[in-house]
């Protein structure tokens, strides 16, 4: 037979386990928090726009900028048409392709730390026009980057 003090001890242990189970915490990636799931992202600017410049006939040139208006050196510009051509932007963020045939081309621009962009253009561009490519920076640190974990309260039903 179980004594009254034994029953009380059992009730106390079960109660502490239930309360302890409801107040447990776990570590989750920061992008799984309600803040990151519900935040509104700023609108991204148009990736490709045209600007006036000094482009020769049969050539394609332009600049690559960040969404903050800074020039982006070292960005890779890949022009895919009948063949694939690749250039890298210089220190001033400019690029130039010479001796291009007319027709439709896919333009792909990539740089570490920025979202990749792609668009199609038809060459030749009107005389004196160049491309202006805007890259959106990817947050590599800070809230919602995926490189951190935050402590959140576990749901009451989660026992593992």
N, C-alpha and C. Protein backbone atom coordinates (compact mmCIF):
# COMPACT_ATOMS: atom_id res chain seq x y z
N UNK A 1 0.82 -1.16 0.00
CA UNK A 1 0.00 0.00 0.00
C UNK A 1 0.88 1.25 0.00
N UNK A 2 0.44 2.27 -0.71
CA UNK A 2 1.21 3.51 -0.84
C UNK A 2 0.77 4.45 0.26
N UNK A 3 1.75 5.02 0.91
CA UNK A 3 1.42 5.96 1.99
C UNK A 3 1.00 7.31 1.40
N UNK A 4 0.40 8.11 2.26
CA UNK A 4 -0.06 9.44 1.84
C UNK A 4 1.11 10.33 1.45
N UNK A 5 2.23 10.21 2.14
CA UNK A 5 3.40 11.02 1.81
C UNK A 5 3.99 10.58 0.46
N UNK A 6 3.88 9.31 0.12
CA UNK A 6 4.35 8.81 -1.16
C UNK A 6 3.53 9.37 -2.31
N UNK A 7 2.21 9.45 -2.10
CA UNK A 7 1.31 10.02 -3.11
C UNK A 7 1.61 11.50 -3.31
N UNK A 8 1.84 12.19 -2.20
CA UNK A 8 2.16 13.62 -2.29
C UNK A 8 3.48 13.83 -3.05
N UNK A 9 4.45 12.99 -2.77
CA UNK A 9 5.74 13.10 -3.44
C UNK A 9 5.57 12.83 -4.94
N UNK A 10 4.76 11.83 -5.28
CA UNK A 10 4.51 11.52 -6.68
C UNK A 10 3.80 12.67 -7.39
N UNK A 11 2.81 13.26 -6.74
CA UNK A 11 2.09 14.40 -7.31
C UNK A 11 3.04 15.58 -7.48
N UNK A 12 3.92 15.79 -6.52
CA UNK A 12 4.88 16.89 -6.60
C UNK A 12 5.84 16.68 -7.77
N UNK A 13 6.35 15.46 -7.95
CA UNK A 13 7.28 15.17 -9.04
C UNK A 13 6.59 15.35 -10.39
N UNK A 14 5.37 14.85 -10.53
CA UNK A 14 4.63 14.99 -11.79
C UNK A 14 4.34 16.47 -12.06
N UNK A 15 3.97 17.21 -11.06
CA UNK A 15 3.69 18.65 -11.23
C UNK A 15 4.94 19.41 -11.66
N UNK A 16 6.08 19.12 -11.04
CA UNK A 16 7.33 19.79 -11.40
C UNK A 16 7.75 19.43 -12.83
N UNK A 17 7.54 18.18 -13.21
CA UNK A 17 7.88 17.77 -14.58
C UNK A 17 6.99 18.48 -15.59
N UNK A 18 5.71 18.64 -15.27
CA UNK A 18 4.79 19.32 -16.19
C UNK A 18 5.14 20.80 -16.31
N UNK A 19 5.41 21.43 -15.17
CA UNK A 19 5.78 22.85 -15.20
C UNK A 19 7.13 23.02 -15.90
N UNK A 20 8.08 22.14 -15.60
CA UNK A 20 9.39 22.20 -16.25
C UNK A 20 9.29 21.98 -17.74
N UNK A 21 8.38 21.11 -18.17
CA UNK A 21 8.19 20.85 -19.59
C UNK A 21 7.63 22.06 -20.31
N UNK A 22 6.88 22.87 -19.63
CA UNK A 22 6.26 24.05 -20.25
C UNK A 22 7.21 25.24 -20.32
N UNK A 23 8.26 25.23 -19.54
CA UNK A 23 9.15 26.38 -19.51
C UNK A 23 10.52 26.05 -20.10
N UNK A 24 10.59 25.06 -20.94
CA UNK A 24 11.87 24.70 -21.55
C UNK A 24 12.15 25.60 -22.76
N UNK A 25 13.41 25.73 -23.07
CA UNK A 25 13.83 26.55 -24.19
C UNK A 25 14.63 25.71 -25.17
N UNK A 26 14.72 26.17 -26.41
CA UNK A 26 15.54 25.51 -27.41
C UNK A 26 16.21 26.57 -28.27
N UNK A 27 17.29 26.17 -28.96
CA UNK A 27 18.01 27.05 -29.86
C UNK A 27 17.58 26.76 -31.28
N UNK A 28 17.20 27.80 -32.03
CA UNK A 28 16.77 27.65 -33.42
C UNK A 28 17.53 28.67 -34.27
N UNK A 29 17.69 28.40 -35.58
CA UNK A 29 18.31 29.41 -36.46
C UNK A 29 17.49 30.70 -36.44
N UNK A 30 18.18 31.82 -36.55
CA UNK A 30 17.49 33.11 -36.42
C UNK A 30 16.44 33.34 -37.48
N UNK A 31 16.56 32.74 -38.67
CA UNK A 31 15.57 32.95 -39.70
C UNK A 31 14.26 32.21 -39.42
N UNK A 32 14.21 31.34 -38.42
CA UNK A 32 12.97 30.65 -38.06
C UNK A 32 12.17 31.37 -36.99
N UNK A 33 12.61 32.52 -36.55
CA UNK A 33 11.86 33.28 -35.55
C UNK A 33 10.69 34.01 -36.22
N UNK A 34 9.71 34.37 -35.42
CA UNK A 34 8.55 35.07 -35.98
C UNK A 34 8.95 36.43 -36.54
N UNK A 35 9.97 37.06 -35.97
CA UNK A 35 10.43 38.35 -36.48
C UNK A 35 10.90 38.22 -37.93
N UNK A 36 11.70 37.20 -38.21
CA UNK A 36 12.25 37.04 -39.56
C UNK A 36 11.18 36.56 -40.54
N UNK A 37 10.27 35.73 -40.08
CA UNK A 37 9.23 35.23 -40.98
C UNK A 37 8.22 36.31 -41.35
N UNK A 38 8.00 37.28 -40.47
CA UNK A 38 6.96 38.28 -40.69
C UNK A 38 7.48 39.65 -41.11
N UNK A 39 8.78 39.79 -41.27
CA UNK A 39 9.31 41.13 -41.61
C UNK A 39 9.04 41.46 -43.07
N UNK A 40 8.92 42.74 -43.33
CA UNK A 40 8.70 43.21 -44.70
C UNK A 40 10.03 43.63 -45.29
N UNK A 41 10.36 43.06 -46.42
CA UNK A 41 11.61 43.40 -47.09
C UNK A 41 11.41 44.65 -47.94
N UNK A 42 12.45 45.49 -48.03
CA UNK A 42 12.31 46.67 -48.88
C UNK A 42 12.21 46.25 -50.34
N UNK A 43 11.54 47.03 -51.15
CA UNK A 43 11.44 46.67 -52.57
C UNK A 43 12.82 46.70 -53.23
N UNK A 44 13.04 45.74 -54.10
CA UNK A 44 14.33 45.69 -54.79
C UNK A 44 14.26 46.56 -56.04
N UNK A 45 15.33 47.30 -56.31
CA UNK A 45 15.31 48.15 -57.50
C UNK A 45 15.39 47.30 -58.76
N UNK A 46 15.02 47.88 -59.88
CA UNK A 46 15.13 47.17 -61.15
C UNK A 46 16.60 46.86 -61.40
N UNK A 47 16.88 45.64 -61.80
CA UNK A 47 18.27 45.21 -61.95
C UNK A 47 18.96 45.88 -63.13
N UNK A 48 18.29 45.97 -64.28
CA UNK A 48 18.91 46.50 -65.48
C UNK A 48 18.17 47.76 -65.92
N UNK A 49 18.91 48.81 -66.10
CA UNK A 49 18.36 50.02 -66.69
C UNK A 49 19.35 50.50 -67.75
N UNK A 50 18.89 51.36 -68.63
CA UNK A 50 19.78 51.90 -69.66
C UNK A 50 20.17 53.32 -69.29
N UNK A 51 21.36 53.67 -69.69
CA UNK A 51 21.85 55.02 -69.43
C UNK A 51 22.62 55.48 -70.66
N UNK A 52 22.78 56.77 -70.80
CA UNK A 52 23.55 57.28 -71.92
C UNK A 52 25.03 57.12 -71.61
N UNK A 53 25.79 56.83 -72.64
CA UNK A 53 27.22 56.63 -72.45
C UNK A 53 27.96 56.69 -73.76
N UNK A 54 29.15 56.16 -73.76
CA UNK A 54 30.04 56.22 -74.91
C UNK A 54 30.20 54.85 -75.55
N UNK A 55 29.13 54.10 -75.77
CA UNK A 55 29.24 52.77 -76.34
C UNK A 55 29.37 52.84 -77.85
N UNK A 56 30.30 52.07 -78.39
CA UNK A 56 30.49 52.00 -79.85
C UNK A 56 29.49 51.01 -80.43
N UNK A 57 29.28 51.08 -81.73
CA UNK A 57 28.38 50.15 -82.41
C UNK A 57 28.94 48.73 -82.30
N UNK A 58 28.09 47.75 -81.97
CA UNK A 58 28.53 46.37 -81.83
C UNK A 58 29.20 46.09 -80.51
N UNK A 59 29.10 47.01 -79.57
CA UNK A 59 29.72 46.83 -78.26
C UNK A 59 28.64 46.97 -77.19
N UNK A 60 28.92 46.40 -76.04
CA UNK A 60 28.02 46.54 -74.88
C UNK A 60 28.87 46.90 -73.69
N UNK A 61 28.56 48.00 -73.07
CA UNK A 61 29.30 48.44 -71.90
C UNK A 61 28.34 48.91 -70.83
N UNK A 62 28.88 49.19 -69.68
CA UNK A 62 28.04 49.71 -68.62
C UNK A 62 28.75 49.67 -67.28
N UNK A 63 27.96 49.83 -66.22
CA UNK A 63 28.49 49.82 -64.86
C UNK A 63 27.63 48.90 -64.00
N UNK A 64 28.23 48.42 -62.93
CA UNK A 64 27.53 47.62 -61.93
C UNK A 64 27.61 48.38 -60.62
N UNK A 65 26.44 48.61 -60.01
CA UNK A 65 26.36 49.34 -58.75
C UNK A 65 25.63 48.51 -57.71
N UNK A 66 25.87 48.82 -56.45
CA UNK A 66 25.11 48.19 -55.38
C UNK A 66 23.81 48.97 -55.19
N UNK A 67 22.91 48.41 -54.42
CA UNK A 67 21.64 49.10 -54.15
C UNK A 67 21.84 50.35 -53.31
N UNK A 68 23.05 50.58 -52.82
CA UNK A 68 23.37 51.79 -52.07
C UNK A 68 24.01 52.85 -52.94
N UNK A 69 24.17 52.53 -54.24
CA UNK A 69 24.74 53.49 -55.18
C UNK A 69 26.24 53.43 -55.31
N UNK A 70 26.90 52.45 -54.70
CA UNK A 70 28.35 52.33 -54.79
C UNK A 70 28.72 51.42 -55.97
N UNK A 71 29.81 51.72 -56.63
CA UNK A 71 30.29 50.88 -57.72
C UNK A 71 30.78 49.55 -57.16
N UNK A 72 30.58 48.47 -57.92
CA UNK A 72 30.94 47.12 -57.47
C UNK A 72 32.07 46.57 -58.36
N UNK A 73 33.31 46.56 -57.85
CA UNK A 73 34.39 45.94 -58.61
C UNK A 73 34.37 44.43 -58.46
N UNK A 74 34.88 43.72 -59.45
CA UNK A 74 35.00 42.27 -59.36
C UNK A 74 33.73 41.50 -59.60
N UNK A 75 32.70 42.13 -60.14
CA UNK A 75 31.46 41.41 -60.47
C UNK A 75 31.66 40.69 -61.80
N UNK A 76 31.10 39.50 -61.90
CA UNK A 76 31.22 38.72 -63.14
C UNK A 76 30.00 38.96 -64.00
N UNK A 77 30.23 39.38 -65.24
CA UNK A 77 29.15 39.59 -66.20
C UNK A 77 29.29 38.51 -67.26
N UNK A 78 28.24 37.70 -67.41
CA UNK A 78 28.25 36.62 -68.41
C UNK A 78 27.19 36.95 -69.44
N UNK A 79 27.61 36.99 -70.69
CA UNK A 79 26.74 37.29 -71.81
C UNK A 79 26.55 35.99 -72.59
N UNK A 80 25.31 35.48 -72.60
CA UNK A 80 25.03 34.19 -73.22
C UNK A 80 24.17 34.42 -74.45
N UNK A 81 24.69 34.06 -75.58
CA UNK A 81 23.98 34.16 -76.85
C UNK A 81 24.36 32.96 -77.69
N UNK A 82 24.83 33.20 -78.92
CA UNK A 82 25.30 32.09 -79.74
C UNK A 82 26.55 31.48 -79.12
N UNK A 83 27.32 32.28 -78.41
CA UNK A 83 28.42 31.77 -77.59
C UNK A 83 28.40 32.51 -76.26
N UNK A 84 29.21 32.08 -75.31
CA UNK A 84 29.22 32.68 -73.98
C UNK A 84 30.48 33.50 -73.79
N UNK A 85 30.30 34.75 -73.39
CA UNK A 85 31.41 35.65 -73.10
C UNK A 85 31.34 36.07 -71.65
N UNK A 86 32.48 36.20 -71.02
CA UNK A 86 32.52 36.59 -69.61
C UNK A 86 33.51 37.72 -69.42
N UNK A 87 33.12 38.70 -68.63
CA UNK A 87 33.99 39.81 -68.26
C UNK A 87 33.84 40.04 -66.75
N UNK A 88 34.81 40.75 -66.21
CA UNK A 88 34.76 41.13 -64.80
C UNK A 88 34.84 42.65 -64.73
N UNK A 89 34.08 43.23 -63.82
CA UNK A 89 34.11 44.69 -63.71
C UNK A 89 35.46 45.14 -63.15
N UNK A 90 35.86 46.30 -63.59
CA UNK A 90 37.11 46.87 -63.11
C UNK A 90 36.92 47.53 -61.75
N UNK A 91 37.94 48.23 -61.29
CA UNK A 91 37.89 48.89 -59.99
C UNK A 91 36.81 49.96 -59.93
N UNK A 92 36.46 50.52 -61.09
CA UNK A 92 35.42 51.55 -61.13
C UNK A 92 34.03 50.96 -61.39
N UNK A 93 33.90 49.62 -61.40
CA UNK A 93 32.61 48.97 -61.59
C UNK A 93 32.14 48.91 -63.02
N UNK A 94 33.02 49.24 -63.99
CA UNK A 94 32.60 49.26 -65.39
C UNK A 94 33.00 47.97 -66.10
N UNK A 95 32.30 47.68 -67.19
CA UNK A 95 32.61 46.52 -68.02
C UNK A 95 32.40 46.89 -69.48
N UNK A 96 32.99 46.10 -70.39
CA UNK A 96 32.89 46.38 -71.82
C UNK A 96 33.02 45.08 -72.59
N UNK A 97 32.09 44.84 -73.51
CA UNK A 97 32.17 43.75 -74.49
C UNK A 97 32.29 44.40 -75.86
N UNK A 98 33.25 43.95 -76.65
CA UNK A 98 33.45 44.51 -77.98
C UNK A 98 33.10 43.49 -79.05
N UNK A 99 32.82 43.95 -80.24
CA UNK A 99 32.58 43.12 -81.42
C UNK A 99 31.49 42.08 -81.21
N UNK A 100 30.31 42.53 -80.81
CA UNK A 100 29.19 41.63 -80.60
C UNK A 100 28.28 41.64 -81.82
N UNK A 101 27.72 40.49 -82.13
CA UNK A 101 26.74 40.39 -83.20
C UNK A 101 25.38 40.80 -82.65
N UNK A 102 24.50 41.24 -83.53
CA UNK A 102 23.16 41.59 -83.11
C UNK A 102 22.35 40.36 -82.73
N UNK A 103 21.34 40.55 -81.89
CA UNK A 103 20.49 39.44 -81.48
C UNK A 103 20.17 39.50 -80.01
N UNK A 104 19.45 38.48 -79.55
CA UNK A 104 19.05 38.41 -78.14
C UNK A 104 20.15 37.74 -77.32
N UNK A 105 20.42 38.31 -76.16
CA UNK A 105 21.43 37.78 -75.24
C UNK A 105 20.85 37.73 -73.82
N UNK A 106 21.25 36.73 -73.08
CA UNK A 106 20.96 36.68 -71.64
C UNK A 106 22.17 37.29 -70.93
N UNK A 107 21.91 38.20 -70.04
CA UNK A 107 22.98 38.84 -69.27
C UNK A 107 22.82 38.39 -67.82
N UNK A 108 23.87 37.75 -67.29
CA UNK A 108 23.87 37.27 -65.91
C UNK A 108 24.99 37.97 -65.16
N UNK A 109 24.65 38.54 -64.01
CA UNK A 109 25.63 39.27 -63.21
C UNK A 109 25.66 38.66 -61.81
N UNK A 110 26.88 38.34 -61.34
CA UNK A 110 27.04 37.72 -60.03
C UNK A 110 28.24 38.33 -59.31
N UNK A 111 28.13 38.42 -58.01
CA UNK A 111 29.22 38.90 -57.15
C UNK A 111 28.97 38.36 -55.75
N UNK A 112 30.03 37.91 -55.09
CA UNK A 112 29.90 37.41 -53.72
C UNK A 112 29.35 38.52 -52.84
N UNK A 113 28.35 38.20 -52.04
CA UNK A 113 27.75 39.17 -51.14
C UNK A 113 26.54 39.88 -51.73
N UNK A 114 26.20 39.56 -52.98
CA UNK A 114 25.07 40.18 -53.65
C UNK A 114 24.20 39.11 -54.29
N UNK A 115 22.90 39.40 -54.42
CA UNK A 115 21.99 38.49 -55.11
C UNK A 115 22.30 38.53 -56.60
N UNK A 116 22.27 37.37 -57.25
CA UNK A 116 22.51 37.30 -58.69
C UNK A 116 21.32 37.87 -59.44
N UNK A 117 21.61 38.48 -60.57
CA UNK A 117 20.53 39.02 -61.42
C UNK A 117 20.72 38.51 -62.84
N UNK A 118 19.61 38.42 -63.54
CA UNK A 118 19.64 37.99 -64.94
C UNK A 118 18.53 38.71 -65.68
N UNK A 119 18.83 39.07 -66.92
CA UNK A 119 17.85 39.71 -67.78
C UNK A 119 18.26 39.43 -69.22
N UNK A 120 17.37 39.71 -70.14
CA UNK A 120 17.69 39.56 -71.55
C UNK A 120 17.70 40.93 -72.20
N UNK A 121 18.58 41.08 -73.17
CA UNK A 121 18.67 42.32 -73.94
C UNK A 121 18.76 41.95 -75.41
N UNK A 122 18.40 42.88 -76.25
CA UNK A 122 18.52 42.70 -77.69
C UNK A 122 19.54 43.71 -78.19
N UNK A 123 20.57 43.20 -78.85
CA UNK A 123 21.60 44.06 -79.39
C UNK A 123 21.38 44.23 -80.89
N UNK A 124 21.75 45.32 -81.46
CA UNK A 124 22.48 46.42 -80.85
C UNK A 124 21.55 47.36 -80.08
N UNK A 125 22.09 47.93 -79.02
CA UNK A 125 21.37 48.97 -78.29
C UNK A 125 21.40 50.25 -79.12
N UNK A 126 20.45 51.13 -78.92
CA UNK A 126 20.54 52.43 -79.62
C UNK A 126 21.87 53.11 -79.33
N UNK A 127 22.36 53.81 -80.30
CA UNK A 127 23.69 54.43 -80.20
C UNK A 127 23.80 55.28 -78.94
N UNK A 128 24.87 55.07 -78.21
CA UNK A 128 25.13 55.86 -77.02
C UNK A 128 24.49 55.32 -75.76
N UNK A 129 23.85 54.16 -75.80
CA UNK A 129 23.25 53.60 -74.58
C UNK A 129 24.13 52.51 -74.00
N UNK A 130 24.17 52.48 -72.68
CA UNK A 130 24.90 51.47 -71.92
C UNK A 130 23.97 50.88 -70.87
N UNK A 131 24.41 49.78 -70.24
CA UNK A 131 23.62 49.15 -69.18
C UNK A 131 24.08 49.64 -67.82
N UNK A 132 23.14 49.80 -66.94
CA UNK A 132 23.40 50.06 -65.53
C UNK A 132 22.76 48.92 -64.77
N UNK A 133 23.57 48.12 -64.08
CA UNK A 133 23.09 46.95 -63.35
C UNK A 133 23.17 47.25 -61.86
N UNK A 134 22.06 47.03 -61.15
CA UNK A 134 22.01 47.26 -59.71
C UNK A 134 21.92 45.91 -59.01
N UNK A 135 22.88 45.65 -58.11
CA UNK A 135 22.90 44.42 -57.34
C UNK A 135 22.41 44.70 -55.92
N UNK A 136 21.60 43.80 -55.39
CA UNK A 136 21.09 43.94 -54.03
C UNK A 136 21.98 43.15 -53.08
N UNK A 137 22.46 43.82 -52.05
CA UNK A 137 23.34 43.16 -51.08
C UNK A 137 22.58 42.11 -50.28
N UNK A 138 23.25 41.00 -50.02
CA UNK A 138 22.70 39.94 -49.18
C UNK A 138 23.29 40.12 -47.79
N UNK A 139 22.46 40.19 -46.76
CA UNK A 139 23.03 40.35 -45.42
C UNK A 139 23.80 39.09 -45.01
N UNK A 140 25.08 39.25 -44.77
CA UNK A 140 25.91 38.12 -44.37
C UNK A 140 26.02 38.00 -42.86
N UNK A 141 25.49 38.95 -42.15
CA UNK A 141 25.51 38.92 -40.70
C UNK A 141 24.35 39.75 -40.20
N UNK A 142 24.02 39.58 -38.97
CA UNK A 142 22.93 40.34 -38.39
C UNK A 142 21.66 39.53 -38.34
N UNK A 143 20.55 40.18 -38.03
CA UNK A 143 19.30 39.43 -37.88
C UNK A 143 18.87 38.78 -39.19
N UNK A 144 18.39 37.56 -39.10
CA UNK A 144 17.81 36.80 -40.21
C UNK A 144 18.83 36.38 -41.26
N UNK A 145 20.12 36.32 -40.90
CA UNK A 145 21.13 35.92 -41.86
C UNK A 145 21.30 34.41 -41.93
N UNK A 146 20.88 33.69 -40.89
CA UNK A 146 21.05 32.24 -40.86
C UNK A 146 22.37 31.82 -40.24
N UNK A 147 23.20 32.77 -39.82
CA UNK A 147 24.48 32.44 -39.21
C UNK A 147 24.43 32.49 -37.69
N UNK A 148 23.27 32.73 -37.13
CA UNK A 148 23.16 32.81 -35.68
C UNK A 148 21.98 31.95 -35.21
N UNK A 149 21.99 31.65 -33.93
CA UNK A 149 20.88 30.94 -33.32
C UNK A 149 20.36 31.77 -32.16
N UNK A 150 19.07 31.68 -31.94
CA UNK A 150 18.45 32.39 -30.83
C UNK A 150 17.69 31.40 -29.97
N UNK A 151 17.57 31.76 -28.70
CA UNK A 151 16.88 30.89 -27.77
C UNK A 151 15.40 31.26 -27.74
N UNK A 152 14.55 30.28 -27.99
CA UNK A 152 13.11 30.50 -27.98
C UNK A 152 12.47 29.47 -27.05
N UNK A 153 11.30 29.80 -26.57
CA UNK A 153 10.57 28.90 -25.68
C UNK A 153 9.95 27.78 -26.50
N UNK A 154 10.12 26.55 -26.03
CA UNK A 154 9.53 25.41 -26.71
C UNK A 154 8.02 25.42 -26.51
N UNK A 155 7.28 24.91 -27.47
CA UNK A 155 5.84 24.75 -27.28
C UNK A 155 5.56 23.78 -26.14
N UNK A 156 4.42 23.91 -25.49
CA UNK A 156 4.09 23.09 -24.33
C UNK A 156 4.01 21.61 -24.69
N UNK A 157 3.67 21.31 -25.92
CA UNK A 157 3.49 19.93 -26.33
C UNK A 157 4.75 19.25 -26.80
N UNK A 158 5.85 19.99 -26.91
CA UNK A 158 7.09 19.43 -27.45
C UNK A 158 7.95 18.90 -26.31
N UNK A 159 8.11 17.59 -26.23
CA UNK A 159 8.84 16.98 -25.12
C UNK A 159 10.25 16.53 -25.51
N UNK A 160 10.68 16.69 -26.73
CA UNK A 160 12.04 16.28 -27.13
C UNK A 160 12.93 17.47 -27.28
